Amino acid sequence: MQASNSHFLYHVNSLILLPQTNDTMKLVTYSKNGKEQLAFLVNNNLYDTNTANASLPSTIMPMLNDWEALVGVARKTEDDIK
């Protein structure tokens, strides 16, 4: 899967779809400068999680490890992007 963000094209390594509702949050990981980056996928654009909100991690494992504490912040941040 490829997604565009401005004029850049990224190869998306993984796509995580969270509980199927009207407000499904889409998180992806992609390679940025040779390192894993976690991002929101909104309207075919990627928004780095840690750039959108400094309290969110930049990679998937810390996000999953602290999911209960971060899911609300992530959902609000994604809503702010929309």
PDB file of N, CA and C in Angstrom:
ATOM      1  N   MET A   1       0.849  -1.179   0.000  1.00  0.00           N
ATOM      2  CA  MET A   1       0.000   0.000   0.000  1.00  0.00           C
ATOM      3  C   MET A   1       0.884   1.228   0.000  1.00  0.00           C
ATOM      4  N   GLN A   2       0.507   2.211  -0.760  1.00  0.00           N
ATOM      5  CA  GLN A   2       1.236   3.461  -0.754  1.00  0.00           C
ATOM      6  C   GLN A   2       0.273   4.577  -0.411  1.00  0.00           C
ATOM      7  N   ALA A   3       0.765   5.552   0.314  1.00  0.00           N
ATOM      8  CA  ALA A   3      -0.045   6.714   0.665  1.00  0.00           C
ATOM      9  C   ALA A   3       0.790   7.948   0.407  1.00  0.00           C
ATOM     10  N   SER A   4       0.143   9.017   0.062  1.00  0.00           N
ATOM     11  CA  SER A   4       0.891  10.227  -0.216  1.00  0.00           C
ATOM     12  C   SER A   4       0.706  11.233   0.908  1.00  0.00           C
ATOM     13  N   ASN A   5       1.717  12.026   1.115  1.00  0.00           N
ATOM     14  CA  ASN A   5       1.690  13.102   2.093  1.00  0.00           C
ATOM     15  C   ASN A   5       2.428  14.243   1.431  1.00  0.00           C
ATOM     16  N   SER A   6       1.727  15.280   1.040  1.00  0.00           N
ATOM     17  CA  SER A   6       2.288  16.365   0.250  1.00  0.00           C
ATOM     18  C   SER A   6       2.805  15.785  -1.060  1.00  0.00           C
ATOM     19  N   HIS A   7       4.110  15.956  -1.301  1.00  0.00           N
ATOM     20  CA  HIS A   7       4.692  15.498  -2.552  1.00  0.00           C
ATOM     21  C   HIS A   7       5.515  14.237  -2.372  1.00  0.00           C
ATOM     22  N   PHE A   8       5.398  13.582  -1.247  1.00  0.00           N
ATOM     23  CA  PHE A   8       6.196  12.402  -0.958  1.00  0.00           C
ATOM     24  C   PHE A   8       5.351  11.149  -1.112  1.00  0.00           C
ATOM     25  N   LEU A   9       5.996  10.068  -1.477  1.00  0.00           N
ATOM     26  CA  LEU A   9       5.337   8.778  -1.591  1.00  0.00           C
ATOM     27  C   LEU A   9       6.007   7.835  -0.610  1.00  0.00           C
ATOM     28  N   TYR A  10       5.236   7.146   0.210  1.00  0.00           N
ATOM     29  CA  TYR A  10       5.773   6.265   1.237  1.00  0.00           C
ATOM     30  C   TYR A  10       5.257   4.858   1.028  1.00  0.00           C
ATOM     31  N   HIS A  11       6.090   3.893   1.312  1.00  0.00           N
ATOM     32  CA  HIS A  11       5.650   2.507   1.340  1.00  0.00           C
ATOM     33  C   HIS A  11       5.188   2.217   2.761  1.00  0.00           C
ATOM     34  N   VAL A  12       3.954   1.830   2.910  1.00  0.00           N
ATOM     35  CA  VAL A  12       3.392   1.568   4.229  1.00  0.00           C
ATOM     36  C   VAL A  12       3.698   0.128   4.605  1.00  0.00           C
ATOM     37  N   ASN A  13       4.358  -0.060   5.757  1.00  0.00           N
ATOM     38  CA  ASN A  13       4.753  -1.380   6.220  1.00  0.00           C
ATOM     39  C   ASN A  13       3.605  -2.151   6.837  1.00  0.00           C
ATOM     40  N   SER A  14       2.750  -1.484   7.571  1.00  0.00           N
ATOM     41  CA  SER A  14       1.631  -2.170   8.201  1.00  0.00           C
ATOM     42  C   SER A  14       0.465  -1.208   8.350  1.00  0.00           C
ATOM     43  N   LEU A  15      -0.684  -1.780   8.431  1.00  0.00           N
ATOM     44  CA  LEU A  15      -1.898  -1.001   8.583  1.00  0.00           C
ATOM     45  C   LEU A  15      -2.695  -1.628   9.713  1.00  0.00           C
ATOM     46  N   ILE A  16      -3.067  -0.807  10.677  1.00  0.00           N
ATOM     47  CA  ILE A  16      -3.849  -1.296  11.808  1.00  0.00           C
ATOM     48  C   ILE A  16      -5.188  -0.576  11.785  1.00  0.00           C
ATOM     49  N   LEU A  17      -6.247  -1.346  11.660  1.00  0.00           N
ATOM     50  CA  LEU A  17      -7.585  -0.782  11.723  1.00  0.00           C
ATOM     51  C   LEU A  17      -8.157  -1.113  13.088  1.00  0.00           C
ATOM     52  N   LEU A  18      -8.543  -0.107  13.797  1.00  0.00           N
ATOM     53  CA  LEU A  18      -9.049  -0.299  15.143  1.00  0.00           C
ATOM     54  C   LEU A  18     -10.567  -0.369  15.107  1.00  0.00           C
ATOM     55  N   PRO A  19     -11.191  -0.813  16.183  1.00  0.00           N
ATOM     56  CA  PRO A  19     -12.599  -1.230  16.170  1.00  0.00           C
ATOM     57  C   PRO A  19     -13.460  -0.550  15.115  1.00  0.00           C
ATOM     58  N   GLN A  20     -14.141  -1.387  14.346  1.00  0.00           N
ATOM     59  CA  GLN A  20     -14.965  -0.928  13.230  1.00  0.00           C
ATOM     60  C   GLN A  20     -16.163  -0.129  13.730  1.00  0.00           C
ATOM     61  N   THR A  21     -16.078   1.158  13.586  1.00  0.00           N
ATOM     62  CA  THR A  21     -17.188   2.058  13.880  1.00  0.00           C
ATOM     63  C   THR A  21     -17.174   3.123  12.800  1.00  0.00           C
ATOM     64  N   ASN A  22     -18.053   4.069  12.916  1.00  0.00           N
ATOM     65  CA  ASN A  22     -18.021   5.191  11.981  1.00  0.00           C
ATOM     66  C   ASN A  22     -16.758   6.015  12.168  1.00  0.00           C
ATOM     67  N   ASP A  23     -16.120   5.890  13.326  1.00  0.00           N
ATOM     68  CA  ASP A  23     -14.926   6.671  13.650  1.00  0.00           C
ATOM     69  C   ASP A  23     -13.674   5.804  13.653  1.00  0.00           C
ATOM     70  N   THR A  24     -13.567   4.844  12.723  1.00  0.00           N
ATOM     71  CA  THR A  24     -12.420   3.952  12.699  1.00  0.00           C
ATOM     72  C   THR A  24     -11.136   4.744  12.552  1.00  0.00           C
ATOM     73  N   MET A  25     -10.209   4.529  13.485  1.00  0.00           N
ATOM     74  CA  MET A  25      -8.908   5.182  13.438  1.00  0.00           C
ATOM     75  C   MET A  25      -7.962   4.278  12.657  1.00  0.00           C
ATOM     76  N   LYS A  26      -7.238   4.859  11.716  1.00  0.00           N
ATOM     77  CA  LYS A  26      -6.297   4.096  10.908  1.00  0.00           C
ATOM     78  C   LYS A  26      -4.875   4.528  11.262  1.00  0.00           C
ATOM     79  N   LEU A  27      -4.106   3.565  11.753  1.00  0.00           N
ATOM     80  CA  LEU A  27      -2.699   3.798  12.073  1.00  0.00           C
ATOM     81  C   LEU A  27      -1.855   2.965  11.125  1.00  0.00           C
ATOM     82  N   VAL A  28      -0.782   3.536  10.637  1.00  0.00           N
ATOM     83  CA  VAL A  28       0.136   2.829   9.746  1.00  0.00           C
ATOM     84  C   VAL A  28       1.561   3.043  10.223  1.00  0.00           C
ATOM     85  N   THR A  29       2.429   2.120   9.853  1.00  0.00           N
ATOM     86  CA  THR A  29       3.855   2.354  10.025  1.00  0.00           C
ATOM     87  C   THR A  29       4.471   2.418   8.640  1.00  0.00           C
ATOM     88  N   TYR A  30       5.467   3.256   8.504  1.00  0.00           N
ATOM     89  CA  TYR A  30       6.181   3.368   7.236  1.00  0.00           C
ATOM     90  C   TYR A  30       7.635   3.696   7.541  1.00  0.00           C
ATOM     91  N   SER A  31       8.467   3.575   6.536  1.00  0.00           N
ATOM     92  CA  SER A  31       9.887   3.865   6.697  1.00  0.00           C
ATOM     93  C   SER A  31      10.143   5.332   6.370  1.00  0.00           C
ATOM     94  N   LYS A  32      10.705   6.056   7.340  1.00  0.00           N
ATOM     95  CA  LYS A  32      11.027   7.468   7.162  1.00  0.00           C
ATOM     96  C   LYS A  32      12.506   7.636   7.473  1.00  0.00           C
ATOM     97  N   ASN A  33      13.271   7.999   6.478  1.00  0.00           N
ATOM     98  CA  ASN A  33      14.725   8.132   6.640  1.00  0.00           C
ATOM     99  C   ASN A  33      15.330   6.853   7.199  1.00  0.00           C
ATOM    100  N   GLY A  34      14.802   5.707   6.754  1.00  0.00           N
ATOM    101  CA  GLY A  34      15.338   4.419   7.171  1.00  0.00           C
ATOM    102  C   GLY A  34      14.889   3.941   8.543  1.00  0.00           C
ATOM    103  N   LYS A  35      13.977   4.670   9.178  1.00  0.00           N
ATOM    104  CA  LYS A  35      13.482   4.285  10.507  1.00  0.00           C
ATOM    105  C   LYS A  35      11.968   4.146  10.473  1.00  0.00           C
ATOM    106  N   GLU A  36      11.470   3.271  11.349  1.00  0.00           N
ATOM    107  CA  GLU A  36      10.027   3.086  11.462  1.00  0.00           C
ATOM    108  C   GLU A  36       9.371   4.360  11.968  1.00  0.00           C
ATOM    109  N   GLN A  37       8.218   4.697  11.382  1.00  0.00           N
ATOM    110  CA  GLN A  37       7.437   5.854  11.813  1.00  0.00           C
ATOM    111  C   GLN A  37       5.978   5.450  11.883  1.00  0.00           C
ATOM    112  N   LEU A  38       5.310   5.805  12.965  1.00  0.00           N
ATOM    113  CA  LEU A  38       3.880   5.575  13.142  1.00  0.00           C
ATOM    114  C   LEU A  38       3.134   6.820  12.674  1.00  0.00           C
ATOM    115  N   ALA A  39       2.040   6.612  11.955  1.00  0.00           N
ATOM    116  CA  ALA A  39       1.281   7.754  11.433  1.00  0.00           C
ATOM    117  C   ALA A  39      -0.207   7.438  11.386  1.00  0.00           C
ATOM    118  N   PHE A  40      -1.000   8.501  11.404  1.00  0.00           N
ATOM    119  CA  PHE A  40      -2.426   8.404  11.138  1.00  0.00           C
ATOM    120  C   PHE A  40      -2.600   8.442   9.622  1.00  0.00           C
ATOM    121  N   LEU A  41      -3.523   7.654   9.105  1.00  0.00           N
ATOM    122  CA  LEU A  41      -3.897   7.719   7.700  1.00  0.00           C
ATOM    123  C   LEU A  41      -5.266   8.375   7.640  1.00  0.00           C
ATOM    124  N   VAL A  42      -5.304   9.612   7.148  1.00  0.00           N
ATOM    125  CA  VAL A  42      -6.536  10.394   7.077  1.00  0.00           C
ATOM    126  C   VAL A  42      -6.664  10.949   5.657  1.00  0.00           C
ATOM    127  N   ASN A  43      -7.735  10.571   4.980  1.00  0.00           N
ATOM    128  CA  ASN A  43      -7.981  11.052   3.618  1.00  0.00           C
ATOM    129  C   ASN A  43      -6.781  10.830   2.696  1.00  0.00           C
ATOM    130  N   ASN A  44      -6.194   9.636   2.781  1.00  0.00           N
ATOM    131  CA  ASN A  44      -5.039   9.242   1.965  1.00  0.00           C
ATOM    132  C   ASN A  44      -3.776  10.050   2.245  1.00  0.00           C
ATOM    133  N   ASN A  45      -3.719  10.743   3.369  1.00  0.00           N
ATOM    134  CA  ASN A  45      -2.524  11.466   3.785  1.00  0.00           C
ATOM    135  C   ASN A  45      -1.996  10.867   5.070  1.00  0.00           C
ATOM    136  N   LEU A  46      -0.681  10.876   5.230  1.00  0.00           N
ATOM    137  CA  LEU A  46      -0.052  10.397   6.456  1.00  0.00           C
ATOM    138  C   LEU A  46       0.301  11.575   7.348  1.00  0.00           C
ATOM    139  N   TYR A  47      -0.005  11.423   8.635  1.00  0.00           N
ATOM    140  CA  TYR A  47       0.323  12.432   9.643  1.00  0.00           C
ATOM    141  C   TYR A  47       1.072  11.725  10.759  1.00  0.00           C
ATOM    142  N   ASP A  48       2.347  12.021  10.915  1.00  0.00           N
ATOM    143  CA  ASP A  48       3.154  11.373  11.944  1.00  0.00           C
ATOM    144  C   ASP A  48       2.538  11.624  13.314  1.00  0.00           C
ATOM    145  N   THR A  49       2.385  10.552  14.071  1.00  0.00           N
ATOM    146  CA  THR A  49       1.723  10.658  15.372  1.00  0.00           C
ATOM    147  C   THR A  49       2.447  11.625  16.304  1.00  0.00           C
ATOM    148  N   ASN A  50       3.764  11.497  16.393  1.00  0.00           N
ATOM    149  CA  ASN A  50       4.515  12.325  17.338  1.00  0.00           C
ATOM    150  C   ASN A  50       4.633  13.778  16.889  1.00  0.00           C
ATOM    151  N   THR A  51       4.435  14.046  15.603  1.00  0.00           N
ATOM    152  CA  THR A  51       4.412  15.429  15.121  1.00  0.00           C
ATOM    153  C   THR A  51       3.040  16.041  15.372  1.00  0.00           C
ATOM    154  N   ALA A  52       2.006  15.245  15.179  1.00  0.00           N
ATOM    155  CA  ALA A  52       0.643  15.722  15.412  1.00  0.00           C
ATOM    156  C   ALA A  52       0.383  15.982  16.892  1.00  0.00           C
ATOM    157  N   ASN A  53       1.027  15.178  17.756  1.00  0.00           N
ATOM    158  CA  ASN A  53       0.872  15.343  19.206  1.00  0.00           C
ATOM    159  C   ASN A  53       2.132  14.799  19.873  1.00  0.00           C
ATOM    160  N   ALA A  54       2.892  15.672  20.499  1.00  0.00           N
ATOM    161  CA  ALA A  54       4.181  15.291  21.091  1.00  0.00           C
ATOM    162  C   ALA A  54       4.058  14.244  22.193  1.00  0.00           C
ATOM    163  N   SER A  55       2.856  14.037  22.731  1.00  0.00           N
ATOM    164  CA  SER A  55       2.698  13.021  23.778  1.00  0.00           C
ATOM    165  C   SER A  55       2.488  11.622  23.200  1.00  0.00           C
ATOM    166  N   LEU A  56       2.377  11.510  21.883  1.00  0.00           N
ATOM    167  CA  LEU A  56       2.228  10.204  21.239  1.00  0.00           C
ATOM    168  C   LEU A  56       3.583   9.683  20.772  1.00  0.00           C
ATOM    169  N   PRO A  57       3.781   8.364  20.814  1.00  0.00           N
ATOM    170  CA  PRO A  57       5.050   7.795  20.373  1.00  0.00           C
ATOM    171  C   PRO A  57       5.190   7.826  18.851  1.00  0.00           C
ATOM    172  N   SER A  58       6.418   7.672  18.397  1.00  0.00           N
ATOM    173  CA  SER A  58       6.702   7.698  16.962  1.00  0.00           C
ATOM    174  C   SER A  58       6.693   6.303  16.339  1.00  0.00           C
ATOM    175  N   THR A  59       6.602   5.253  17.170  1.00  0.00           N
ATOM    176  CA  THR A  59       6.603   3.881  16.665  1.00  0.00           C
ATOM    177  C   THR A  59       5.454   3.088  17.281  1.00  0.00           C
ATOM    178  N   ILE A  60       5.144   1.965  16.664  1.00  0.00           N
ATOM    179  CA  ILE A  60       3.954   1.204  17.042  1.00  0.00           C
ATOM    180  C   ILE A  60       4.076   0.490  18.392  1.00  0.00           C
ATOM    181  N   MET A  61       5.238  -0.068  18.719  1.00  0.00           N
ATOM    182  CA  MET A  61       5.341  -0.862  19.949  1.00  0.00           C
ATOM    183  C   MET A  61       5.050  -0.053  21.211  1.00  0.00           C
ATOM    184  N   PRO A  62       5.594   1.138  21.380  1.00  0.00           N
ATOM    185  CA  PRO A  62       5.221   1.914  22.568  1.00  0.00           C
ATOM    186  C   PRO A  62       3.724   2.265  22.589  1.00  0.00           C
ATOM    187  N   MET A  63       3.155   2.460  21.414  1.00  0.00           N
ATOM    188  CA  MET A  63       1.730   2.761  21.332  1.00  0.00           C
ATOM    189  C   MET A  63       0.910   1.566  21.807  1.00  0.00           C
ATOM    190  N   LEU A  64       1.260   0.383  21.338  1.00  0.00           N
ATOM    191  CA  LEU A  64       0.534  -0.816  21.747  1.00  0.00           C
ATOM    192  C   LEU A  64       0.778  -1.166  23.210  1.00  0.00           C
ATOM    193  N   ASN A  65       2.007  -0.979  23.675  1.00  0.00           N
ATOM    194  CA  ASN A  65       2.342  -1.300  25.067  1.00  0.00           C
ATOM    195  C   ASN A  65       1.618  -0.408  26.067  1.00  0.00           C
ATOM    196  N   ASP A  66       1.276   0.814  25.671  1.00  0.00           N
ATOM    197  CA  ASP A  66       0.603   1.755  26.564  1.00  0.00           C
ATOM    198  C   ASP A  66      -0.761   2.162  25.985  1.00  0.00           C
ATOM    199  N   TRP A  67      -1.389   1.212  25.292  1.00  0.00           N
ATOM    200  CA  TRP A  67      -2.616   1.478  24.551  1.00  0.00           C
ATOM    201  C   TRP A  67      -3.711   2.127  25.389  1.00  0.00           C
ATOM    202  N   GLU A  68      -3.981   1.583  26.551  1.00  0.00           N
ATOM    203  CA  GLU A  68      -5.080   2.102  27.382  1.00  0.00           C
ATOM    204  C   GLU A  68      -4.893   3.582  27.710  1.00  0.00           C
ATOM    205  N   ALA A  69      -3.666   3.986  27.960  1.00  0.00           N
ATOM    206  CA  ALA A  69      -3.398   5.382  28.314  1.00  0.00           C
ATOM    207  C   ALA A  69      -3.374   6.297  27.088  1.00  0.00           C
ATOM    208  N   LEU A  70      -3.045   5.752  25.918  1.00  0.00           N
ATOM    209  CA  LEU A  70      -2.830   6.585  24.736  1.00  0.00           C
ATOM    210  C   LEU A  70      -3.987   6.623  23.738  1.00  0.00           C
ATOM    211  N   VAL A  71      -4.892   5.653  23.800  1.00  0.00           N
ATOM    212  CA  VAL A  71      -5.936   5.582  22.778  1.00  0.00           C
ATOM    213  C   VAL A  71      -6.804   6.838  22.750  1.00  0.00           C
ATOM    214  N   GLY A  72      -7.145   7.379  23.880  1.00  0.00           N
ATOM    215  CA  GLY A  72      -7.961   8.598  23.908  1.00  0.00           C
ATOM    216  C   GLY A  72      -7.238   9.786  23.312  1.00  0.00           C
ATOM    217  N   VAL A  73      -5.963   9.910  23.632  1.00  0.00           N
ATOM    218  CA  VAL A  73      -5.140  10.994  23.077  1.00  0.00           C
ATOM    219  C   VAL A  73      -5.034  10.831  21.563  1.00  0.00           C
ATOM    220  N   ALA A  74      -4.827   9.591  21.114  1.00  0.00           N
ATOM    221  CA  ALA A  74      -4.701   9.324  19.678  1.00  0.00           C
ATOM    222  C   ALA A  74      -5.997   9.662  18.949  1.00  0.00           C
ATOM    223  N   ARG A  75      -7.117   9.252  19.498  1.00  0.00           N
ATOM    224  CA  ARG A  75      -8.408   9.539  18.848  1.00  0.00           C
ATOM    225  C   ARG A  75      -8.683  11.036  18.774  1.00  0.00           C
ATOM    226  N   LYS A  76      -8.385  11.764  19.847  1.00  0.00           N
ATOM    227  CA  LYS A  76      -8.583  13.217  19.837  1.00  0.00           C
ATOM    228  C   LYS A  76      -7.660  13.878  18.822  1.00  0.00           C
ATOM    229  N   THR A  77      -6.427  13.417  18.769  1.00  0.00           N
ATOM    230  CA  THR A  77      -5.464  13.989  17.821  1.00  0.00           C
ATOM    231  C   THR A  77      -5.930  13.739  16.388  1.00  0.00           C
ATOM    232  N   GLU A  78      -6.395  12.522  16.109  1.00  0.00           N
ATOM    233  CA  GLU A  78      -6.889  12.226  14.772  1.00  0.00           C
ATOM    234  C   GLU A  78      -8.107  13.094  14.451  1.00  0.00           C
ATOM    235  N   ASP A  79      -9.005  13.275  15.408  1.00  0.00           N
ATOM    236  CA  ASP A  79     -10.172  14.145  15.200  1.00  0.00           C
ATOM    237  C   ASP A  79      -9.738  15.581  14.879  1.00  0.00           C
ATOM    238  N   ASP A  80      -8.693  16.054  15.561  1.00  0.00           N
ATOM    239  CA  ASP A  80      -8.180  17.401  15.315  1.00  0.00           C
ATOM    240  C   ASP A  80      -7.625  17.522  13.890  1.00  0.00           C
ATOM    241  N   ILE A  81      -7.032  16.434  13.385  1.00  0.00           N
ATOM    242  CA  ILE A  81      -6.491  16.435  12.014  1.00  0.00           C
ATOM    243  C   ILE A  81      -7.623  16.532  11.005  1.00  0.00           C
ATOM    244  N   LYS A  82      -8.696  15.782  11.287  1.00  0.00           N
ATOM    245  CA  LYS A  82      -9.841  15.767  10.349  1.00  0.00           C
ATOM    246  C   LYS A  82     -10.482  17.126  10.275  1.00  0.00           C
TER     247      LYS A  82
END
